[in-house]
Structure formats: C-alpha cells, structure tokens
C-alpha cells in the first residue's frame, strides 16, 4: 500500500510540473506565431506599397536616359576644381557630379541626360572660360579632356 501511495504522489507532483512546462511552451508557441503573422503582414504591406508606388514612378523616354561622362582636367588646382564643380552642379541637364582631385590630373564625373556633345554645350554656357574651345584637349563619347594653362 505504501508503494502505491508513493507512486500516486509522484505522479501527482510530476503532472503539475508537466502542466507548468506545457503552459510555458504554449506561451512561447503563441509568441512565435504572433511574430510570424506580424512578419507576413509587413511583407504584404511592403508589396502593396511597392505596387502603388509603381503607378507613380518616373517614366523614362529614350532621350532622357541618364548618361555618365568623365571630364578630365589637367593644370588645375583644388580651389579652381571646386569652383568648376559648383558651376557644373547647377548647369542645365546635369543630375549629379563627383569630383576627384590629383596634382597630376583631376576629374569630375557627371551624371546627365543626353549625349556628351550636348552636355559640352551646356558646360560651355555654365563655365565659358574653362570650357572654351582653346582649352578642349579632346572629346569622345563619355569623356571630355580639358587642359588649362
């Protein structure tokens, strides 16, 4: 009889422990389910937002595509290069500029619409003393060489 009582008492104690452990595991499972649902909702929201923004995106035509041209400058100091870069940033047709300085030869990378010859005309209007015809050392598609002094 003593053995049966001990076994029943052991089962009762272990059943409470098992019940508490199962409750903790259930809470963890519910929390992970909530996190998964939140992740799926965020993904669906992002996809919906991308679709809506796709309706309002820029439409590019063939003539307005973005082109990269490197303007190589020789015989220029840093302050002159900086002032040229500032003039080019506000020139018509130029989206962005990136300046690189070196004592032997500096360069400015332009992102613009149109061809290199079109952008040269715009550069001659923006900085006529730098891009005068006597200073143009060479021009190829995607590259303009300028030699000052």
N, C-alpha and C. Protein backbone atom coordinates (compact mmCIF):
# COMPACT_ATOMS: atom_id res chain seq x y z
N UNK A 1 0.82 -1.18 0.00
CA UNK A 1 0.00 0.00 0.00
C UNK A 1 0.87 1.26 0.00
N UNK A 2 1.96 1.17 0.71
CA UNK A 2 2.88 2.29 0.77
C UNK A 2 3.45 2.60 -0.62
N UNK A 3 3.75 1.56 -1.38
CA UNK A 3 4.30 1.75 -2.71
C UNK A 3 3.30 2.44 -3.63
N UNK A 4 2.07 2.03 -3.54
CA UNK A 4 1.04 2.60 -4.40
C UNK A 4 0.84 4.07 -4.04
N UNK A 5 0.86 4.41 -2.76
CA UNK A 5 0.70 5.79 -2.32
C UNK A 5 1.85 6.65 -2.82
N UNK A 6 3.06 6.14 -2.74
CA UNK A 6 4.24 6.87 -3.21
C UNK A 6 4.18 7.07 -4.73
N UNK A 7 3.76 6.07 -5.44
CA UNK A 7 3.66 6.18 -6.90
C UNK A 7 2.59 7.21 -7.27
N UNK A 8 1.44 7.19 -6.60
CA UNK A 8 0.38 8.16 -6.87
C UNK A 8 0.84 9.57 -6.54
N UNK A 9 1.53 9.74 -5.41
CA UNK A 9 2.06 11.04 -5.01
C UNK A 9 3.09 11.54 -6.04
N UNK A 10 3.96 10.67 -6.53
CA UNK A 10 4.95 11.02 -7.55
C UNK A 10 4.28 11.45 -8.86
N UNK A 11 3.24 10.71 -9.26
CA UNK A 11 2.53 11.06 -10.49
C UNK A 11 1.84 12.42 -10.37
N UNK A 12 1.27 12.68 -9.19
CA UNK A 12 0.60 13.97 -8.99
C UNK A 12 1.61 15.12 -9.07
N UNK A 13 2.75 14.96 -8.42
CA UNK A 13 3.79 16.01 -8.44
C UNK A 13 4.32 16.22 -9.86
N UNK A 14 4.63 15.15 -10.57
CA UNK A 14 5.15 15.27 -11.93
C UNK A 14 4.11 15.81 -12.91
N UNK A 15 2.82 15.53 -12.65
CA UNK A 15 1.78 16.03 -13.55
C UNK A 15 1.67 17.55 -13.42
N UNK A 16 1.84 18.10 -12.22
CA UNK A 16 1.84 19.57 -12.05
C UNK A 16 3.03 20.20 -12.76
N UNK A 17 4.18 19.59 -12.65
CA UNK A 17 5.39 20.10 -13.31
C UNK A 17 5.23 20.03 -14.83
N UNK A 18 4.69 18.94 -15.31
CA UNK A 18 4.48 18.78 -16.74
C UNK A 18 3.46 19.80 -17.25
N UNK A 19 2.43 20.05 -16.47
CA UNK A 19 1.41 21.02 -16.85
C UNK A 19 2.00 22.42 -16.93
N UNK A 20 2.86 22.81 -15.96
CA UNK A 20 3.50 24.12 -15.98
C UNK A 20 4.46 24.24 -17.16
N UNK A 21 5.20 23.19 -17.44
CA UNK A 21 6.12 23.22 -18.57
C UNK A 21 5.35 23.35 -19.88
N UNK A 22 4.24 22.64 -19.98
CA UNK A 22 3.43 22.72 -21.20
C UNK A 22 2.85 24.13 -21.36
N UNK A 23 2.45 24.78 -20.27
CA UNK A 23 1.92 26.13 -20.33
C UNK A 23 2.99 27.10 -20.83
N UNK A 24 4.21 26.95 -20.38
CA UNK A 24 5.32 27.80 -20.84
C UNK A 24 5.58 27.58 -22.32
N UNK A 25 5.58 26.31 -22.74
CA UNK A 25 5.80 26.01 -24.15
C UNK A 25 4.67 26.56 -25.02
N UNK A 26 3.43 26.53 -24.53
CA UNK A 26 2.30 27.09 -25.26
C UNK A 26 2.45 28.61 -25.41
N UNK A 27 2.91 29.29 -24.36
CA UNK A 27 3.12 30.74 -24.44
C UNK A 27 4.20 31.08 -25.46
N UNK A 28 5.27 30.31 -25.48
CA UNK A 28 6.34 30.53 -26.46
C UNK A 28 5.82 30.31 -27.86
N UNK A 29 5.02 29.26 -28.05
CA UNK A 29 4.45 28.97 -29.36
C UNK A 29 3.53 30.09 -29.83
N UNK A 30 2.69 30.63 -28.94
CA UNK A 30 1.80 31.74 -29.31
C UNK A 30 2.60 32.99 -29.67
N UNK A 31 3.68 33.25 -28.94
CA UNK A 31 4.51 34.43 -29.23
C UNK A 31 5.19 34.31 -30.59
N UNK A 32 5.69 33.13 -30.93
CA UNK A 32 6.32 32.96 -32.24
C UNK A 32 5.28 33.05 -33.36
N UNK A 33 4.07 32.55 -33.11
CA UNK A 33 3.01 32.69 -34.12
C UNK A 33 2.67 34.16 -34.36
N UNK A 34 2.60 34.96 -33.28
CA UNK A 34 2.33 36.39 -33.44
C UNK A 34 3.44 37.07 -34.23
N UNK A 35 4.68 36.71 -33.94
CA UNK A 35 5.81 37.30 -34.67
C UNK A 35 5.77 36.92 -36.15
N UNK A 36 5.43 35.67 -36.44
CA UNK A 36 5.31 35.24 -37.84
C UNK A 36 4.20 35.99 -38.56
N UNK A 37 3.05 36.14 -37.89
CA UNK A 37 1.94 36.87 -38.51
C UNK A 37 2.32 38.33 -38.75
N UNK A 38 3.02 38.94 -37.81
CA UNK A 38 3.45 40.33 -37.98
C UNK A 38 4.41 40.45 -39.16
N UNK A 39 5.32 39.49 -39.31
CA UNK A 39 6.26 39.50 -40.43
C UNK A 39 5.55 39.35 -41.76
N UNK A 40 4.58 38.45 -41.82
CA UNK A 40 3.82 38.26 -43.06
C UNK A 40 3.01 39.51 -43.40
N UNK A 41 2.43 40.14 -42.38
CA UNK A 41 1.67 41.37 -42.60
C UNK A 41 2.58 42.48 -43.12
N UNK A 42 3.76 42.59 -42.56
CA UNK A 42 4.71 43.61 -43.02
C UNK A 42 5.12 43.35 -44.47
N UNK A 43 5.34 42.10 -44.82
CA UNK A 43 5.70 41.77 -46.20
C UNK A 43 4.57 42.11 -47.17
N UNK A 44 3.34 41.79 -46.79
CA UNK A 44 2.20 42.11 -47.65
C UNK A 44 2.05 43.62 -47.80
N UNK A 45 2.25 44.35 -46.70
CA UNK A 45 2.14 45.81 -46.74
C UNK A 45 3.20 46.40 -47.66
N UNK A 46 4.43 45.88 -47.59
CA UNK A 46 5.52 46.36 -48.44
C UNK A 46 5.20 46.09 -49.91
N UNK A 47 4.72 44.91 -50.20
CA UNK A 47 4.37 44.57 -51.58
C UNK A 47 3.26 45.47 -52.11
N UNK A 48 2.26 45.75 -51.29
CA UNK A 48 1.18 46.63 -51.70
C UNK A 48 1.71 48.05 -51.93
N UNK A 49 2.56 48.52 -51.03
CA UNK A 49 3.15 49.85 -51.19
C UNK A 49 4.00 49.95 -52.45
N UNK A 50 4.78 48.90 -52.75
CA UNK A 50 5.59 48.90 -53.97
C UNK A 50 4.71 48.95 -55.22
N UNK A 51 3.59 48.23 -55.19
CA UNK A 51 2.67 48.25 -56.34
C UNK A 51 2.07 49.63 -56.53
N UNK A 52 1.68 50.27 -55.42
CA UNK A 52 1.08 51.60 -55.51
C UNK A 52 2.11 52.60 -56.02
N UNK A 53 3.33 52.57 -55.48
CA UNK A 53 4.37 53.49 -55.92
C UNK A 53 4.79 53.23 -57.37
N UNK A 54 4.60 52.02 -57.83
CA UNK A 54 4.92 51.70 -59.22
C UNK A 54 4.04 52.46 -60.20
N UNK A 55 2.83 52.81 -59.78
CA UNK A 55 1.95 53.59 -60.64
C UNK A 55 2.45 55.01 -60.80
N UNK A 56 3.16 55.54 -59.79
CA UNK A 56 3.59 56.93 -59.82
C UNK A 56 5.06 57.11 -60.16
N UNK A 57 5.75 56.03 -60.55
CA UNK A 57 7.17 56.10 -60.87
C UNK A 57 7.44 56.94 -62.09
N UNK A 58 8.71 57.37 -62.22
CA UNK A 58 9.12 58.16 -63.37
C UNK A 58 9.04 57.32 -64.63
N UNK A 59 8.58 57.95 -65.68
CA UNK A 59 8.59 57.30 -66.98
C UNK A 59 9.75 57.87 -67.75
N UNK A 60 10.63 57.01 -68.21
CA UNK A 60 11.81 57.44 -68.94
C UNK A 60 11.56 57.29 -70.43
N UNK A 61 11.88 58.36 -71.18
CA UNK A 61 11.86 58.20 -72.61
C UNK A 61 13.30 58.07 -73.08
N UNK A 62 13.50 57.67 -74.31
CA UNK A 62 14.83 57.35 -74.80
C UNK A 62 15.80 58.51 -74.73
N UNK A 63 15.37 59.77 -74.92
CA UNK A 63 16.29 60.89 -74.94
C UNK A 63 16.67 61.36 -73.54
N UNK A 64 15.91 61.01 -72.53
CA UNK A 64 16.18 61.50 -71.19
C UNK A 64 16.88 60.46 -70.32
N UNK A 65 17.47 59.46 -70.92
CA UNK A 65 18.13 58.45 -70.11
C UNK A 65 19.41 59.03 -69.51
N UNK A 66 19.81 58.52 -68.37
CA UNK A 66 20.96 59.05 -67.64
C UNK A 66 22.25 58.49 -68.22
N UNK A 67 23.21 59.39 -68.47
CA UNK A 67 24.48 59.04 -69.06
C UNK A 67 25.60 59.51 -68.15
N UNK A 68 26.74 58.83 -68.22
CA UNK A 68 27.89 59.21 -67.40
C UNK A 68 28.99 59.72 -68.32
N UNK A 69 29.53 60.89 -67.99
CA UNK A 69 30.64 61.48 -68.72
C UNK A 69 31.71 61.90 -67.74
N UNK A 70 32.96 61.61 -68.07
CA UNK A 70 34.09 61.98 -67.23
C UNK A 70 34.76 63.20 -67.87
N UNK A 71 34.86 64.27 -67.09
CA UNK A 71 35.56 65.47 -67.54
C UNK A 71 36.93 65.43 -66.89
N UNK A 72 37.99 65.23 -67.70
CA UNK A 72 39.37 65.17 -67.19
C UNK A 72 39.98 66.55 -67.32
N UNK A 73 40.50 67.06 -66.21
CA UNK A 73 41.06 68.40 -66.17
C UNK A 73 42.54 68.30 -65.79
N UNK A 74 43.40 68.94 -66.57
CA UNK A 74 44.82 69.00 -66.22
C UNK A 74 45.22 70.46 -66.08
N UNK A 75 46.19 70.71 -65.18
CA UNK A 75 46.64 72.08 -64.94
C UNK A 75 45.68 72.88 -64.08
N UNK A 76 45.01 72.22 -63.16
CA UNK A 76 44.01 72.89 -62.32
C UNK A 76 44.35 72.64 -60.85
N UNK A 77 44.21 73.68 -60.02
CA UNK A 77 44.41 73.50 -58.58
C UNK A 77 43.07 73.17 -57.91
N UNK A 78 43.13 72.87 -56.60
CA UNK A 78 41.94 72.37 -55.91
C UNK A 78 40.84 73.42 -55.85
N UNK A 79 41.18 74.66 -55.56
CA UNK A 79 40.14 75.69 -55.44
C UNK A 79 39.45 75.93 -56.78
N UNK A 80 40.20 75.91 -57.87
CA UNK A 80 39.60 76.06 -59.19
C UNK A 80 38.70 74.87 -59.52
N UNK A 81 39.17 73.66 -59.19
CA UNK A 81 38.37 72.45 -59.42
C UNK A 81 37.06 72.52 -58.64
N UNK A 82 37.14 73.00 -57.41
CA UNK A 82 35.95 73.10 -56.57
C UNK A 82 34.96 74.11 -57.16
N UNK A 83 35.45 75.25 -57.64
CA UNK A 83 34.54 76.24 -58.22
C UNK A 83 33.94 75.73 -59.53
N UNK A 84 34.72 75.00 -60.33
CA UNK A 84 34.19 74.40 -61.56
C UNK A 84 33.08 73.40 -61.22
N UNK A 85 33.33 72.57 -60.20
CA UNK A 85 32.34 71.57 -59.78
C UNK A 85 31.05 72.25 -59.34
N UNK A 86 31.16 73.35 -58.60
CA UNK A 86 29.96 74.06 -58.14
C UNK A 86 29.17 74.63 -59.33
N UNK A 87 29.88 75.13 -60.35
CA UNK A 87 29.21 75.65 -61.54
C UNK A 87 28.52 74.52 -62.30
N UNK A 88 29.17 73.37 -62.35
CA UNK A 88 28.61 72.25 -63.10
C UNK A 88 27.38 71.66 -62.41
N UNK A 89 27.33 71.73 -61.09
CA UNK A 89 26.19 71.17 -60.36
C UNK A 89 24.89 71.89 -60.70
N UNK A 90 24.99 73.16 -61.05
CA UNK A 90 23.77 73.92 -61.37
C UNK A 90 23.55 74.04 -62.87
N UNK A 91 24.43 73.45 -63.67
CA UNK A 91 24.27 73.52 -65.13
C UNK A 91 23.05 72.72 -65.57
N UNK A 92 22.47 73.14 -66.67
CA UNK A 92 21.25 72.51 -67.19
C UNK A 92 21.57 71.10 -67.69
N UNK A 93 20.76 70.12 -67.30
CA UNK A 93 20.89 68.75 -67.77
C UNK A 93 21.75 67.85 -66.91
N UNK A 94 22.40 68.39 -65.88
CA UNK A 94 23.29 67.58 -65.03
C UNK A 94 22.54 67.20 -63.76
N UNK A 95 22.46 65.87 -63.50
CA UNK A 95 21.79 65.40 -62.29
C UNK A 95 22.73 65.38 -61.09
N UNK A 96 23.98 64.92 -61.28
CA UNK A 96 24.92 64.86 -60.16
C UNK A 96 26.35 64.94 -60.66
N UNK A 97 27.24 65.34 -59.75
CA UNK A 97 28.67 65.41 -60.07
C UNK A 97 29.46 64.73 -58.96
N UNK A 98 30.61 64.20 -59.32
CA UNK A 98 31.51 63.58 -58.35
C UNK A 98 32.92 64.03 -58.73
N UNK A 99 33.59 64.67 -57.80
CA UNK A 99 34.88 65.30 -58.07
C UNK A 99 36.02 64.44 -57.51
N UNK A 100 37.11 64.32 -58.29
CA UNK A 100 38.32 63.62 -57.86
C UNK A 100 39.51 64.53 -58.15
N UNK A 101 40.31 64.82 -57.13
CA UNK A 101 41.45 65.73 -57.30
C UNK A 101 42.76 64.97 -57.22
N UNK A 102 43.67 65.33 -58.11
CA UNK A 102 45.04 64.83 -58.10
C UNK A 102 45.91 65.92 -58.69
N UNK A 103 47.12 66.06 -58.21
CA UNK A 103 48.02 67.10 -58.71
C UNK A 103 48.35 66.87 -60.18
N UNK A 104 48.43 65.62 -60.59
CA UNK A 104 48.78 65.32 -61.98
C UNK A 104 47.60 65.48 -62.93
N UNK A 105 46.40 65.23 -62.47
CA UNK A 105 45.21 65.36 -63.32
C UNK A 105 43.96 65.06 -62.53
N UNK A 106 43.02 65.98 -62.53
CA UNK A 106 41.77 65.82 -61.78
C UNK A 106 40.65 65.42 -62.73
N UNK A 107 39.54 65.01 -62.13
CA UNK A 107 38.39 64.64 -62.96
C UNK A 107 37.10 64.93 -62.22
N UNK A 108 36.05 65.14 -63.00
CA UNK A 108 34.70 65.30 -62.47
C UNK A 108 33.81 64.33 -63.26
N UNK A 109 33.12 63.46 -62.56
CA UNK A 109 32.21 62.50 -63.18
C UNK A 109 30.82 63.11 -63.15
N UNK A 110 30.20 63.22 -64.32
CA UNK A 110 28.88 63.83 -64.45
C UNK A 110 27.84 62.77 -64.77
N UNK A 111 26.71 62.81 -64.10
CA UNK A 111 25.53 62.03 -64.47
C UNK A 111 24.58 63.02 -65.12
N UNK A 112 24.22 62.78 -66.37
CA UNK A 112 23.43 63.76 -67.10
C UNK A 112 22.50 63.09 -68.09
N UNK A 113 21.63 63.89 -68.63
CA UNK A 113 20.72 63.43 -69.68
C UNK A 113 21.28 63.88 -71.02
N UNK A 114 21.18 63.06 -72.03
CA UNK A 114 21.64 63.43 -73.35
C UNK A 114 23.03 62.89 -73.65
N UNK A 115 23.60 63.38 -74.76
CA UNK A 115 24.91 62.89 -75.20
C UNK A 115 26.02 63.76 -74.63
N UNK A 116 27.25 63.32 -74.85
CA UNK A 116 28.42 64.05 -74.36
C UNK A 116 28.55 65.39 -75.09
N UNK A 117 28.28 65.44 -76.38
CA UNK A 117 28.38 66.71 -77.11
C UNK A 117 27.31 67.70 -76.64
N UNK A 118 26.12 67.20 -76.30
CA UNK A 118 25.08 68.07 -75.76
C UNK A 118 25.50 68.65 -74.42
N UNK A 119 26.10 67.82 -73.60
CA UNK A 119 26.50 68.30 -72.27
C UNK A 119 27.67 69.26 -72.37
N UNK A 120 28.53 69.10 -73.37
CA UNK A 120 29.64 70.03 -73.57
C UNK A 120 29.10 71.43 -73.88
N UNK A 121 28.07 71.51 -74.70
CA UNK A 121 27.45 72.81 -74.99
C UNK A 121 26.91 73.45 -73.72
N UNK A 122 26.30 72.63 -72.86
CA UNK A 122 25.79 73.13 -71.60
C UNK A 122 26.92 73.58 -70.68
N UNK A 123 28.03 72.83 -70.69
CA UNK A 123 29.18 73.19 -69.86
C UNK A 123 29.82 74.49 -70.35
N UNK A 124 29.84 74.71 -71.65
CA UNK A 124 30.41 75.94 -72.20
C UNK A 124 29.59 77.15 -71.79
N UNK A 125 28.30 76.97 -71.61
CA UNK A 125 27.45 78.06 -71.13
C UNK A 125 27.64 78.28 -69.63
N UNK A 126 27.85 77.19 -68.86
CA UNK A 126 27.98 77.30 -67.41
C UNK A 126 29.34 77.88 -67.01
N UNK A 127 30.41 77.46 -67.67
CA UNK A 127 31.77 77.93 -67.34
C UNK A 127 32.51 78.21 -68.65
N UNK A 128 32.23 79.35 -69.30
CA UNK A 128 32.81 79.61 -70.62
C UNK A 128 34.33 79.76 -70.62
N UNK A 129 34.90 80.27 -69.54
CA UNK A 129 36.36 80.44 -69.51
C UNK A 129 37.09 79.10 -69.38
N UNK A 130 36.50 78.11 -68.74
CA UNK A 130 37.14 76.80 -68.57
C UNK A 130 36.92 75.94 -69.81
N UNK A 131 35.70 75.92 -70.33
CA UNK A 131 35.36 75.04 -71.44
C UNK A 131 35.40 75.76 -72.79
N UNK A 132 36.26 76.75 -72.90
CA UNK A 132 36.45 77.43 -74.19
C UNK A 132 37.07 76.44 -75.16
N UNK A 133 36.87 76.68 -76.45
CA UNK A 133 37.36 75.74 -77.46
C UNK A 133 38.88 75.58 -77.43
N UNK A 134 39.59 76.64 -77.06
CA UNK A 134 41.05 76.55 -76.99
C UNK A 134 41.53 75.63 -75.86
N UNK A 135 40.70 75.42 -74.82
CA UNK A 135 41.07 74.57 -73.69
C UNK A 135 40.67 73.11 -73.87
N UNK A 136 39.79 72.81 -74.81
CA UNK A 136 39.33 71.44 -75.03
C UNK A 136 40.46 70.66 -75.69
N UNK A 137 40.96 69.66 -74.98
CA UNK A 137 42.07 68.84 -75.46
C UNK A 137 41.58 67.64 -76.25
N UNK A 138 40.38 67.17 -75.95
CA UNK A 138 39.83 66.02 -76.65
C UNK A 138 38.42 65.73 -76.17
N UNK A 139 37.65 65.06 -77.03
CA UNK A 139 36.29 64.69 -76.67
C UNK A 139 35.94 63.36 -77.34
N UNK A 140 35.41 62.46 -76.54
CA UNK A 140 34.93 61.18 -77.03
C UNK A 140 33.63 60.91 -76.30
N UNK A 141 32.85 59.97 -76.74
CA UNK A 141 31.59 59.66 -76.06
C UNK A 141 31.90 59.17 -74.64
N UNK A 142 31.44 59.91 -73.66
CA UNK A 142 31.66 59.57 -72.25
C UNK A 142 32.91 60.19 -71.67
N UNK A 143 33.63 61.02 -72.42
CA UNK A 143 34.86 61.62 -71.89
C UNK A 143 35.15 62.95 -72.57
N UNK A 144 35.50 63.95 -71.76
CA UNK A 144 35.91 65.26 -72.24
C UNK A 144 37.23 65.59 -71.55
N UNK A 145 38.26 65.95 -72.31
CA UNK A 145 39.56 66.32 -71.75
C UNK A 145 39.75 67.83 -71.88
N UNK A 146 40.12 68.47 -70.78
CA UNK A 146 40.32 69.91 -70.76
C UNK A 146 41.71 70.17 -70.19
N UNK A 147 42.47 71.05 -70.88
CA UNK A 147 43.80 71.41 -70.44
C UNK A 147 43.82 72.91 -70.17
N UNK A 148 44.03 73.30 -68.91
CA UNK A 148 44.09 74.70 -68.55
C UNK A 148 45.55 75.13 -68.39
N UNK A 149 45.86 76.31 -68.88
CA UNK A 149 47.18 76.96 -68.79
C UNK A 149 48.27 76.14 -69.38
